[in-house]
């Protein structure tokens, strides 16, 4: 195997793959990266120094989204004619699955989103192996492998992530300043249709109250109400995990950042009518507060903030859980470089990732 294609559809995917990409490059592999322009994805790849083939931006309308998928199919077809990779990886990208099947190369897909049923019907029949977190609720059959932990541990493992106190000066605050970080999403994905998190009115009242005692920083996929714009965080996007690590509390609609807090040991309140197995497992493990509606968020926030031991105990809990997990980046590096023998050993139970990684 000489060439690996990786498709990126979301900013979080950059983080999922970046350390494995470094490993593969050091081993002499050619990396072909394609990427959709969602929010800060291009910027993240640039900051990581990674070359990529831009795929364009996903439209907001349902019809536009389906037409965009056909455009992606055509772009990948032309790319494969030219480059001929040996294996492809994506996060449930149907167009990569289809083109991989046509060109007879294995496609490894990640999937941690149970409610994205339509997309799963599009990619699964054409995929060679599906990797899910252990908490994933669905049985996808003989091509499925559930790994220990959740996606965010691919890049927040202690081997690859070192918290940097330099983030305080980048945020313009003293290291002793207690701050709250909030994240609001755009509700533009297909699986977001009809779902909800915070109303603008609740956002404003929540932040107005919390800002009386705490420094507030906000990240938002869409334009913030005028009253909240002074709280918008101004840092490079590849530094956000240091913000999450040192935050006294995270409140947000974004599942990825809530899960990142679960990996980092930062108290998190996730408010979103959508749910997933990963979030349910993190809640049952006592790592996050998982709310379907905004009501009661302020009261829950004060309950956490007023408990001086909350964050200390949470970090101890994360440390204990990590004893049962393994290094997911090293696992993925091995899986791809040894493919397809690694797949056979994995699915037959001939290799124990916990012992090996």
Protein backbone atom coordinates (compact mmCIF):
# COMPACT_ATOMS: atom_id res chain seq x y z
CA UNK A 1 0.00 0.00 0.00
CA UNK A 2 1.38 3.38 -1.03
CA UNK A 3 -1.49 5.89 -1.06
CA UNK A 4 -4.28 6.74 1.41
CA UNK A 5 -7.31 8.89 0.64
CA UNK A 6 -8.97 10.69 3.55
CA UNK A 7 -12.21 12.64 3.11
CA UNK A 8 -13.13 15.34 5.61
CA UNK A 9 -16.68 16.65 5.98
CA UNK A 10 -16.52 18.49 9.34
CA UNK A 11 -13.91 20.47 11.31
CA UNK A 12 -13.77 17.70 13.92
CA UNK A 13 -12.64 15.24 11.22
CA UNK A 14 -9.38 17.19 10.86
CA UNK A 15 -8.62 16.39 14.48
CA UNK A 16 -9.72 12.76 14.18
CA UNK A 17 -7.17 12.07 11.46
CA UNK A 18 -4.33 14.58 11.92
CA UNK A 19 -2.06 12.52 14.18
CA UNK A 20 -2.54 9.34 12.15
CA UNK A 21 -1.72 11.39 9.03
CA UNK A 22 1.57 12.43 10.65
CA UNK A 23 2.30 8.79 11.46
CA UNK A 24 1.56 7.63 7.91
CA UNK A 25 3.64 10.41 6.37
CA UNK A 26 6.58 9.44 8.58
CA UNK A 27 6.17 5.87 7.28
CA UNK A 28 6.40 7.06 3.67
CA UNK A 29 2.76 6.95 2.58
CA UNK A 30 1.20 9.46 0.18
CA UNK A 31 -1.83 11.21 1.69
CA UNK A 32 -4.65 12.50 -0.50
CA UNK A 33 -7.04 14.70 1.48
CA UNK A 34 -10.38 15.95 0.16
CA UNK A 35 -12.43 18.38 2.20
CA UNK A 36 -15.82 20.08 2.27
CA UNK A 37 -15.85 23.74 3.26
CA UNK A 38 -17.81 23.61 6.51
CA UNK A 39 -17.22 26.53 8.85
CA UNK A 40 -13.47 26.54 9.71
CA UNK A 41 -12.40 23.24 8.11
CA UNK A 42 -10.13 24.74 5.44
CA UNK A 43 -8.54 27.02 8.03
CA UNK A 44 -7.84 24.09 10.35
CA UNK A 45 -6.13 22.13 7.56
CA UNK A 46 -4.04 25.18 6.70
CA UNK A 47 -3.01 25.60 10.34
CA UNK A 48 -1.99 21.93 10.45
CA UNK A 49 0.08 22.42 7.27
CA UNK A 50 -1.93 19.80 5.35
CA UNK A 51 -2.49 19.96 1.59
CA UNK A 52 -6.05 19.20 0.47
CA UNK A 53 -8.39 19.15 -2.50
CA UNK A 54 -11.31 21.56 -1.82
CA UNK A 55 -14.76 20.07 -2.48
CA UNK A 56 -16.87 23.20 -2.02
CA UNK A 57 -19.56 24.17 0.44
CA UNK A 58 -22.66 22.15 1.26
CA UNK A 59 -25.81 24.20 0.43
CA UNK A 60 -28.48 24.85 3.05
CA UNK A 61 -31.51 23.56 1.12
CA UNK A 62 -32.38 19.84 1.08
CA UNK A 63 -32.38 19.78 -2.72
CA UNK A 64 -29.06 21.64 -2.80
CA UNK A 65 -27.54 19.08 -0.43
CA UNK A 66 -28.48 16.16 -2.67
CA UNK A 67 -27.18 17.94 -5.78
CA UNK A 68 -23.95 18.68 -3.92
CA UNK A 69 -23.50 14.96 -3.19
CA UNK A 70 -23.66 14.22 -6.92
CA UNK A 71 -21.04 16.91 -7.50
CA UNK A 72 -18.82 15.25 -4.88
CA UNK A 73 -19.31 11.86 -6.58
CA UNK A 74 -18.03 13.33 -9.85
CA UNK A 75 -15.08 15.06 -8.16
CA UNK A 76 -13.99 11.85 -6.41
CA UNK A 77 -14.41 9.90 -9.65
CA UNK A 78 -12.03 12.28 -11.45
CA UNK A 79 -9.61 12.21 -8.51
CA UNK A 80 -9.50 8.40 -8.45
CA UNK A 81 -8.90 8.25 -12.19
CA UNK A 82 -5.85 10.43 -11.68
CA UNK A 83 -4.48 9.33 -8.30
CA UNK A 84 -5.61 5.69 -7.81
CA UNK A 85 -5.31 5.46 -4.00
CA UNK A 86 -5.00 2.06 -2.30
CA UNK A 87 -7.51 2.67 0.50
CA UNK A 88 -10.06 5.33 1.49
CA UNK A 89 -11.23 6.61 4.87
CA UNK A 90 -14.19 8.89 5.54
CA UNK A 91 -16.75 9.83 8.11
CA UNK A 92 -19.77 8.15 6.52
CA UNK A 93 -19.27 9.91 3.16
CA UNK A 94 -21.52 8.16 0.64
CA UNK A 95 -19.69 9.52 -2.40
CA UNK A 96 -16.39 8.07 -1.17
CA UNK A 97 -18.09 4.71 -0.50
CA UNK A 98 -19.57 4.64 -4.00
CA UNK A 99 -16.36 5.59 -5.82
CA UNK A 100 -14.30 3.19 -3.71
CA UNK A 101 -16.65 0.38 -4.71
CA UNK A 102 -16.43 1.32 -8.40
CA UNK A 103 -12.62 1.46 -8.30
CA UNK A 104 -12.38 -1.70 -6.15
CA UNK A 105 -10.51 -0.22 -3.21
CA UNK A 106 -11.49 -0.74 0.44
CA UNK A 107 -13.42 2.01 2.18
CA UNK A 108 -13.23 2.34 5.98
CA UNK A 109 -16.00 4.51 7.41
CA UNK A 110 -16.47 6.03 10.85
CA UNK A 111 -20.00 6.60 12.12
CA UNK A 112 -21.21 7.78 15.53
CA UNK A 113 -24.53 9.32 14.46
CA UNK A 114 -27.40 6.86 14.83
CA UNK A 115 -30.08 9.31 13.67
CA UNK A 116 -28.44 9.87 10.25
CA UNK A 117 -30.36 6.90 8.84
CA UNK A 118 -30.70 8.06 5.23
CA UNK A 119 -26.98 8.66 4.89
CA UNK A 120 -26.23 5.24 6.39
CA UNK A 121 -28.36 3.58 3.70
CA UNK A 122 -26.30 5.41 1.07
CA UNK A 123 -22.81 4.48 2.29
CA UNK A 124 -23.07 1.18 4.21
CA UNK A 125 -23.61 -1.32 1.33
CA UNK A 126 -20.50 0.00 -0.42
CA UNK A 127 -18.22 0.11 2.64
CA UNK A 128 -15.66 -2.52 3.62
CA UNK A 129 -15.41 -1.79 7.36
CA UNK A 130 -17.34 0.48 9.72
CA UNK A 131 -15.76 1.75 12.94
CA UNK A 132 -18.10 2.89 15.73
CA UNK A 133 -17.57 3.95 19.34
CA UNK A 134 -18.44 1.23 21.86
CA UNK A 135 -21.57 3.19 22.83
CA UNK A 136 -23.00 3.15 19.30
CA UNK A 137 -26.55 1.83 19.55
CA UNK A 138 -27.01 0.10 16.19
CA UNK A 139 -25.89 -3.33 15.00
CA UNK A 140 -24.48 -2.92 11.48
CA UNK A 141 -23.59 -6.56 10.95
CA UNK A 142 -20.39 -8.41 10.11
CA UNK A 143 -18.45 -5.40 8.78
CA UNK A 144 -18.78 -3.46 12.04
CA UNK A 145 -16.15 -3.00 14.75
CA UNK A 146 -16.85 -1.03 17.93
CA UNK A 147 -13.76 0.50 19.53
CA UNK A 148 -13.25 1.43 23.17
CA UNK A 149 -13.95 5.10 23.87
CA UNK A 150 -15.35 7.82 21.62
CA UNK A 151 -14.14 9.74 18.56
CA UNK A 152 -12.63 12.66 20.48
CA UNK A 153 -10.08 10.34 22.07
CA UNK A 154 -8.36 10.05 18.68
CA UNK A 155 -6.78 13.45 19.34
CA UNK A 156 -7.26 14.14 23.06
CA UNK A 157 -5.30 11.10 24.21
CA UNK A 158 -2.55 12.20 26.62
CA UNK A 159 0.12 11.04 24.14
CA UNK A 160 -1.07 13.58 21.58
CA UNK A 161 -2.64 16.41 23.60
CA UNK A 162 -0.76 18.58 26.09
CA UNK A 163 -2.75 21.46 27.66
CA UNK A 164 -1.06 24.84 27.17
CA UNK A 165 -1.55 27.68 29.67
CA UNK A 166 -0.51 30.07 26.92
CA UNK A 167 -4.17 30.03 25.88
CA UNK A 168 -4.99 32.45 28.72
CA UNK A 169 -2.89 35.25 27.24
CA UNK A 170 -4.36 34.49 23.80
CA UNK A 171 -7.81 34.97 25.34
CA UNK A 172 -6.70 38.17 27.05
CA UNK A 173 -7.24 36.97 30.62
CA UNK A 174 -5.16 36.05 33.66
CA UNK A 175 -4.48 32.37 34.45
CA UNK A 176 -6.50 32.65 37.65
CA UNK A 177 -9.61 33.86 35.82
CA UNK A 178 -12.54 31.46 35.99
CA UNK A 179 -14.39 31.40 32.67
CA UNK A 180 -17.34 29.69 30.98
CA UNK A 181 -17.27 28.66 27.32
CA UNK A 182 -20.46 28.35 25.24
CA UNK A 183 -21.00 26.85 21.79
CA UNK A 184 -23.99 27.40 19.49
CA UNK A 185 -24.54 25.55 16.20
CA UNK A 186 -26.14 26.53 12.89
CA UNK A 187 -28.78 23.75 12.63
CA UNK A 188 -27.97 23.36 8.93
CA UNK A 189 -27.33 19.59 8.61
CA UNK A 190 -29.95 17.23 7.20
CA UNK A 191 -30.31 15.46 10.54
CA UNK A 192 -30.82 18.85 12.26
CA UNK A 193 -34.15 19.48 10.50
CA UNK A 194 -36.87 20.08 13.10
CA UNK A 195 -34.40 19.96 16.02
CA UNK A 196 -33.63 22.67 18.56
CA UNK A 197 -31.30 23.87 21.27
CA UNK A 198 -31.35 27.39 22.75
CA UNK A 199 -33.64 30.22 21.67
CA UNK A 200 -31.95 33.59 21.20
CA UNK A 201 -33.95 34.95 24.12
CA UNK A 202 -32.69 32.23 26.44
CA UNK A 203 -29.10 32.65 25.23
CA UNK A 204 -29.21 36.35 26.09
CA UNK A 205 -30.76 35.88 29.54
CA UNK A 206 -28.42 32.96 30.36
CA UNK A 207 -25.27 34.83 29.43
CA UNK A 208 -26.40 38.10 31.01
CA UNK A 209 -26.81 36.28 34.34
CA UNK A 210 -23.60 34.20 34.18
CA UNK A 211 -21.49 37.19 33.10
CA UNK A 212 -22.24 38.90 36.43
CA UNK A 213 -19.76 36.51 38.10
CA UNK A 214 -17.76 34.82 35.33
CA UNK A 215 -15.84 35.70 32.22
CA UNK A 216 -17.82 34.47 29.20
CA UNK A 217 -16.55 33.29 25.80
CA UNK A 218 -18.78 32.14 22.94
CA UNK A 219 -18.18 30.20 19.72
CA UNK A 220 -21.06 30.20 17.22
CA UNK A 221 -21.60 28.75 13.75
CA UNK A 222 -24.06 31.50 12.90
CA UNK A 223 -24.14 35.23 13.63
CA UNK A 224 -24.75 35.97 17.30
CA UNK A 225 -27.47 38.35 18.48
CA UNK A 226 -26.07 41.88 18.79
CA UNK A 227 -26.08 41.71 22.61
CA UNK A 228 -23.81 38.65 22.60
CA UNK A 229 -21.26 39.67 19.97
CA UNK A 230 -18.82 41.20 22.54
CA UNK A 231 -18.43 37.70 24.03
CA UNK A 232 -17.34 36.08 20.74
CA UNK A 233 -14.01 34.29 21.26
CA UNK A 234 -11.10 35.44 19.11
CA UNK A 235 -8.47 32.70 18.93
CA UNK A 236 -7.08 30.42 16.23
CA UNK A 237 -9.47 27.47 15.82
CA UNK A 238 -6.75 24.87 16.38
CA UNK A 239 -6.38 26.20 19.95
CA UNK A 240 -9.95 25.53 21.05
CA UNK A 241 -9.18 22.33 22.98
CA UNK A 242 -6.94 24.26 25.35
CA UNK A 243 -9.89 26.59 26.00
CA UNK A 244 -12.11 23.61 26.76
CA UNK A 245 -9.51 22.05 29.05
CA UNK A 246 -9.23 25.12 31.30
CA UNK A 247 -12.90 26.20 31.24
CA UNK A 248 -14.79 26.03 34.52
CA UNK A 249 -17.84 24.93 32.54
CA UNK A 250 -18.96 24.26 28.97
CA UNK A 251 -22.54 24.92 27.86
CA UNK A 252 -23.55 24.24 24.28
CA UNK A 253 -25.57 22.72 21.48
CA UNK A 254 -22.56 21.06 19.83
CA UNK A 255 -22.19 17.33 20.47
CA UNK A 256 -18.53 17.30 19.41
CA UNK A 257 -17.43 19.88 21.96
CA UNK A 258 -19.51 18.23 24.69
CA UNK A 259 -17.71 14.96 23.94
CA UNK A 260 -14.37 16.75 23.92
CA UNK A 261 -15.14 17.97 27.43
CA UNK A 262 -15.93 14.37 28.40
CA UNK A 263 -12.43 13.43 27.23
CA UNK A 264 -10.76 16.39 28.95
CA UNK A 265 -12.57 16.26 32.29
CA UNK A 266 -14.37 19.59 31.94
CA UNK A 267 -17.95 19.84 33.25
CA UNK A 268 -20.35 20.14 30.30
CA UNK A 269 -24.05 20.82 29.81
CA UNK A 270 -25.20 19.67 26.37
CA UNK A 271 -28.54 21.13 25.27
CA UNK A 272 -29.94 19.65 22.06
CA UNK A 273 -33.10 17.75 21.15
CA UNK A 274 -30.92 15.29 19.20
CA UNK A 275 -29.34 12.42 21.09
CA UNK A 276 -26.77 9.72 20.32
CA UNK A 277 -25.34 6.61 21.93
CA UNK A 278 -22.04 8.35 22.67
CA UNK A 279 -23.82 11.12 24.57
CA UNK A 280 -25.97 8.63 26.46
CA UNK A 281 -22.89 6.67 27.48
CA UNK A 282 -21.05 9.81 28.57
CA UNK A 283 -24.02 10.84 30.66
CA UNK A 284 -24.32 7.40 32.26
CA UNK A 285 -20.58 7.55 33.06
CA UNK A 286 -21.19 10.89 34.79
CA UNK A 287 -19.09 12.86 32.28
CA UNK A 288 -21.68 15.30 30.90
CA UNK A 289 -25.15 16.65 31.58
CA UNK A 290 -27.34 15.69 28.63
CA UNK A 291 -30.45 17.92 28.29
CA UNK A 292 -33.10 17.78 25.57
CA UNK A 293 -34.44 21.28 26.33
CA UNK A 294 -33.01 24.60 27.51
CA UNK A 295 -35.17 24.90 30.64
CA UNK A 296 -33.16 24.57 33.83
CA UNK A 297 -29.77 25.13 32.21
CA UNK A 298 -28.93 28.16 34.36
CA UNK A 299 -29.80 26.32 37.57
CA UNK A 300 -27.71 23.31 36.55
CA UNK A 301 -24.81 25.61 35.65
CA UNK A 302 -24.80 27.18 39.12
CA UNK A 303 -25.05 23.75 40.74
CA UNK A 304 -21.80 22.75 38.99
CA UNK A 305 -20.02 26.09 39.41
CA UNK A 306 -20.77 26.21 43.13
CA UNK A 307 -19.24 22.77 43.68
CA UNK A 308 -15.50 23.38 44.17
CA UNK A 309 -14.68 19.69 43.71
CA UNK A 310 -16.76 19.12 40.56
CA UNK A 311 -13.94 19.49 38.06
CA UNK A 312 -11.36 17.70 40.22
CA UNK A 313 -13.61 14.66 40.65
CA UNK A 314 -14.50 14.68 36.97
CA UNK A 315 -10.85 14.56 35.89
CA UNK A 316 -10.27 11.64 38.27
CA UNK A 317 -13.24 9.84 36.70
CA UNK A 318 -11.86 10.37 33.19
CA UNK A 319 -8.46 9.07 34.29
CA UNK A 320 -10.05 5.90 35.68
CA UNK A 321 -12.08 5.32 32.49
CA UNK A 322 -8.96 5.73 30.36
CA UNK A 323 -7.42 2.71 32.08
CA UNK A 324 -9.93 0.57 30.15
CA UNK A 325 -9.29 2.24 26.79
CA UNK A 326 -6.48 2.17 24.26
CA UNK A 327 -4.67 4.64 22.01
CA UNK A 328 -7.09 5.09 19.11
CA UNK A 329 -4.68 6.93 16.83
CA UNK A 330 -2.08 4.18 17.09
CA UNK A 331 -4.86 1.63 16.56
CA UNK A 332 -5.96 3.40 13.36
CA UNK A 333 -2.39 3.75 12.12
CA UNK A 334 -1.91 -0.01 12.44
CA UNK A 335 -5.32 -0.87 10.98
CA UNK A 336 -4.68 1.01 7.73
CA UNK A 337 -1.03 0.10 7.22
CA UNK A 338 -1.71 -3.63 7.78
CA UNK A 339 -5.00 -3.72 5.83
CA UNK A 340 -6.69 -6.07 4.94
CA UNK A 341 -4.96 -8.55 7.29
CA UNK A 342 -5.59 -6.19 10.22
CA UNK A 343 -9.32 -6.22 9.49
CA UNK A 344 -9.43 -10.03 9.49
CA UNK A 345 -7.54 -10.25 12.78
CA UNK A 346 -9.74 -7.58 14.33
CA UNK A 347 -13.10 -9.05 13.36
CA UNK A 348 -12.01 -12.60 14.22
CA UNK A 349 -10.79 -11.49 17.63
CA UNK A 350 -7.20 -12.53 16.90
CA UNK A 351 -5.83 -9.20 18.12
CA UNK A 352 -6.72 -7.35 21.34
CA UNK A 353 -6.39 -3.59 20.74
CA UNK A 354 -6.23 -2.89 24.49
CA UNK A 355 -3.15 -5.10 24.83
CA UNK A 356 -1.55 -3.97 21.57
CA UNK A 357 -2.20 -0.22 21.88
